[in-house]
Amino acid sequence: MREFHEVRQDYHRLMREFIEVRQDYHRLMSDFHVVRQDYHRLMSEFHEVRQDYHRLMREFHEVRQDYHRL
């Protein structure tokens, strides 16, 4: 009977640990999803800013050439 009681206690302890670990896992997956979305949003913004930068540099170069021609 004592062995059954010990096994039962171990079972309940392990179930509690499993539930905690599972909750941590789901919380981390949720955090990861948010971070991943932020990453993609920032990469998209970076791409747009980079395109704007290159466009403006081309325009600046053209205007500078025109200025020196005058």
N, C-alpha and C. Protein backbone atom coordinates (compact mmCIF):
# COMPACT_ATOMS: atom_id res chain seq x y z
N MET A 1 0.82 -1.20 0.00
CA MET A 1 0.00 0.00 0.00
C MET A 1 0.86 1.26 0.00
N ARG A 2 1.95 1.20 0.74
CA ARG A 2 2.86 2.34 0.80
C ARG A 2 3.44 2.63 -0.59
N GLU A 3 3.80 1.58 -1.31
CA GLU A 3 4.35 1.75 -2.65
C GLU A 3 3.33 2.41 -3.58
N PHE A 4 2.09 2.01 -3.50
CA PHE A 4 1.03 2.63 -4.30
C PHE A 4 0.93 4.12 -3.98
N HIS A 5 0.98 4.45 -2.71
CA HIS A 5 0.89 5.85 -2.28
C HIS A 5 2.06 6.67 -2.85
N GLU A 6 3.26 6.11 -2.80
CA GLU A 6 4.44 6.81 -3.34
C GLU A 6 4.33 6.98 -4.86
N VAL A 7 3.90 5.94 -5.52
CA VAL A 7 3.75 6.01 -6.98
C VAL A 7 2.69 7.04 -7.34
N ARG A 8 1.61 7.05 -6.60
CA ARG A 8 0.53 8.02 -6.84
C ARG A 8 1.03 9.45 -6.63
N GLN A 9 1.82 9.67 -5.58
CA GLN A 9 2.39 10.99 -5.33
C GLN A 9 3.32 11.40 -6.47
N ASP A 10 4.15 10.48 -6.91
CA ASP A 10 5.05 10.75 -8.04
C ASP A 10 4.26 11.10 -9.30
N TYR A 11 3.21 10.35 -9.53
CA TYR A 11 2.36 10.59 -10.70
C TYR A 11 1.80 12.01 -10.65
N HIS A 12 1.26 12.43 -9.52
CA HIS A 12 0.68 13.76 -9.40
C HIS A 12 1.74 14.86 -9.49
N ARG A 13 2.89 14.60 -8.92
CA ARG A 13 4.00 15.57 -9.02
C ARG A 13 4.40 15.73 -10.48
N LEU A 14 4.55 14.62 -11.18
CA LEU A 14 4.93 14.68 -12.59
C LEU A 14 3.86 15.36 -13.45
N MET A 15 2.62 15.11 -13.14
CA MET A 15 1.54 15.77 -13.88
C MET A 15 1.59 17.29 -13.68
N ARG A 16 1.83 17.72 -12.44
CA ARG A 16 1.95 19.16 -12.18
C ARG A 16 3.13 19.77 -12.95
N GLU A 17 4.25 19.06 -12.93
CA GLU A 17 5.43 19.54 -13.66
C GLU A 17 5.14 19.59 -15.16
N PHE A 18 4.49 18.57 -15.66
CA PHE A 18 4.15 18.53 -17.08
C PHE A 18 3.26 19.72 -17.45
N ILE A 19 2.26 19.99 -16.62
CA ILE A 19 1.34 21.11 -16.88
C ILE A 19 2.10 22.43 -16.87
N GLU A 20 3.02 22.61 -15.94
CA GLU A 20 3.83 23.83 -15.89
C GLU A 20 4.69 23.97 -17.15
N VAL A 21 5.33 22.88 -17.53
CA VAL A 21 6.19 22.90 -18.71
C VAL A 21 5.36 23.18 -19.96
N ARG A 22 4.21 22.55 -20.05
CA ARG A 22 3.33 22.77 -21.20
C ARG A 22 2.88 24.23 -21.27
N GLN A 23 2.55 24.82 -20.13
CA GLN A 23 2.16 26.23 -20.10
C GLN A 23 3.33 27.12 -20.54
N ASP A 24 4.52 26.82 -20.04
CA ASP A 24 5.71 27.58 -20.46
C ASP A 24 5.93 27.46 -21.96
N TYR A 25 5.77 26.25 -22.47
CA TYR A 25 5.94 26.02 -23.90
C TYR A 25 4.96 26.87 -24.71
N HIS A 26 3.69 26.87 -24.32
CA HIS A 26 2.69 27.64 -25.05
C HIS A 26 2.94 29.14 -24.93
N ARG A 27 3.37 29.57 -23.77
CA ARG A 27 3.68 30.99 -23.58
C ARG A 27 4.85 31.39 -24.49
N LEU A 28 5.89 30.56 -24.51
CA LEU A 28 7.05 30.86 -25.35
C LEU A 28 6.70 30.82 -26.84
N MET A 29 5.87 29.89 -27.24
CA MET A 29 5.46 29.83 -28.64
C MET A 29 4.68 31.09 -29.02
N SER A 30 3.85 31.54 -28.11
CA SER A 30 3.10 32.77 -28.35
C SER A 30 4.05 33.96 -28.47
N ASP A 31 5.01 34.04 -27.56
CA ASP A 31 6.02 35.12 -27.62
C ASP A 31 6.80 35.04 -28.92
N PHE A 32 7.19 33.85 -29.30
CA PHE A 32 7.93 33.65 -30.53
C PHE A 32 7.13 34.15 -31.73
N HIS A 33 5.84 33.84 -31.75
CA HIS A 33 4.98 34.26 -32.85
C HIS A 33 4.95 35.79 -32.95
N VAL A 34 4.82 36.45 -31.80
CA VAL A 34 4.79 37.92 -31.77
C VAL A 34 6.12 38.48 -32.27
N VAL A 35 7.22 37.92 -31.80
CA VAL A 35 8.54 38.39 -32.21
C VAL A 35 8.75 38.16 -33.70
N ARG A 36 8.31 37.02 -34.19
CA ARG A 36 8.43 36.72 -35.62
C ARG A 36 7.63 37.72 -36.46
N GLN A 37 6.43 38.05 -36.01
CA GLN A 37 5.63 39.04 -36.72
C GLN A 37 6.34 40.40 -36.72
N ASP A 38 6.88 40.78 -35.57
CA ASP A 38 7.62 42.04 -35.47
C ASP A 38 8.82 42.04 -36.42
N TYR A 39 9.52 40.93 -36.46
CA TYR A 39 10.68 40.81 -37.34
C TYR A 39 10.27 41.04 -38.80
N HIS A 40 9.21 40.38 -39.23
CA HIS A 40 8.77 40.52 -40.62
C HIS A 40 8.29 41.95 -40.91
N ARG A 41 7.60 42.54 -39.95
CA ARG A 41 7.15 43.92 -40.12
C ARG A 41 8.36 44.85 -40.25
N LEU A 42 9.34 44.68 -39.38
CA LEU A 42 10.53 45.53 -39.42
C LEU A 42 11.34 45.31 -40.70
N MET A 43 11.44 44.08 -41.14
CA MET A 43 12.16 43.82 -42.39
C MET A 43 11.45 44.48 -43.57
N SER A 44 10.15 44.46 -43.55
CA SER A 44 9.38 45.12 -44.60
C SER A 44 9.62 46.64 -44.57
N GLU A 45 9.58 47.21 -43.37
CA GLU A 45 9.85 48.65 -43.23
C GLU A 45 11.26 48.98 -43.68
N PHE A 46 12.21 48.14 -43.28
CA PHE A 46 13.60 48.35 -43.68
C PHE A 46 13.73 48.34 -45.20
N HIS A 47 13.08 47.39 -45.84
CA HIS A 47 13.13 47.28 -47.30
C HIS A 47 12.59 48.56 -47.95
N GLU A 48 11.47 49.06 -47.43
CA GLU A 48 10.89 50.30 -47.97
C GLU A 48 11.84 51.48 -47.78
N VAL A 49 12.40 51.60 -46.60
CA VAL A 49 13.32 52.71 -46.31
C VAL A 49 14.55 52.61 -47.20
N ARG A 50 15.04 51.40 -47.38
CA ARG A 50 16.21 51.19 -48.23
C ARG A 50 15.91 51.59 -49.68
N GLN A 51 14.74 51.22 -50.15
CA GLN A 51 14.36 51.62 -51.51
C GLN A 51 14.27 53.14 -51.63
N ASP A 52 13.67 53.76 -50.63
CA ASP A 52 13.58 55.23 -50.62
C ASP A 52 14.96 55.86 -50.62
N TYR A 53 15.84 55.32 -49.82
CA TYR A 53 17.20 55.83 -49.73
C TYR A 53 17.88 55.76 -51.11
N HIS A 54 17.80 54.62 -51.76
CA HIS A 54 18.44 54.47 -53.07
C HIS A 54 17.79 55.37 -54.12
N ARG A 55 16.49 55.50 -54.05
CA ARG A 55 15.80 56.40 -54.98
C ARG A 55 16.27 57.84 -54.78
N LEU A 56 16.34 58.27 -53.54
CA LEU A 56 16.79 59.63 -53.25
C LEU A 56 18.25 59.85 -53.64
N MET A 57 19.07 58.86 -53.45
CA MET A 57 20.47 58.99 -53.86
C MET A 57 20.58 59.14 -55.37
N ARG A 58 19.78 58.38 -56.10
CA ARG A 58 19.79 58.53 -57.57
C ARG A 58 19.33 59.93 -57.97
N GLU A 59 18.24 60.39 -57.35
CA GLU A 59 17.74 61.73 -57.65
C GLU A 59 18.78 62.79 -57.31
N PHE A 60 19.41 62.64 -56.16
CA PHE A 60 20.44 63.59 -55.75
C PHE A 60 21.58 63.61 -56.77
N HIS A 61 22.00 62.45 -57.20
CA HIS A 61 23.08 62.35 -58.17
C HIS A 61 22.69 63.05 -59.48
N GLU A 62 21.47 62.83 -59.93
CA GLU A 62 21.00 63.48 -61.16
C GLU A 62 20.97 65.00 -61.00
N VAL A 63 20.43 65.47 -59.90
CA VAL A 63 20.35 66.92 -59.66
C VAL A 63 21.75 67.51 -59.56
N ARG A 64 22.63 66.81 -58.92
CA ARG A 64 24.01 67.29 -58.78
C ARG A 64 24.67 67.40 -60.15
N GLN A 65 24.44 66.41 -61.00
CA GLN A 65 25.01 66.47 -62.35
C GLN A 65 24.43 67.66 -63.11
N ASP A 66 23.12 67.87 -63.00
CA ASP A 66 22.48 69.01 -63.65
C ASP A 66 23.07 70.32 -63.13
N TYR A 67 23.27 70.40 -61.85
CA TYR A 67 23.81 71.61 -61.23
C TYR A 67 25.21 71.91 -61.77
N HIS A 68 26.05 70.90 -61.88
CA HIS A 68 27.41 71.10 -62.36
C HIS A 68 27.45 71.40 -63.85
N ARG A 69 26.45 70.97 -64.55
CA ARG A 69 26.36 71.26 -65.97
C ARG A 69 26.05 72.74 -66.21
N LEU A 70 25.33 73.33 -65.29
CA LEU A 70 24.91 74.73 -65.47
C LEU A 70 25.99 75.73 -65.20
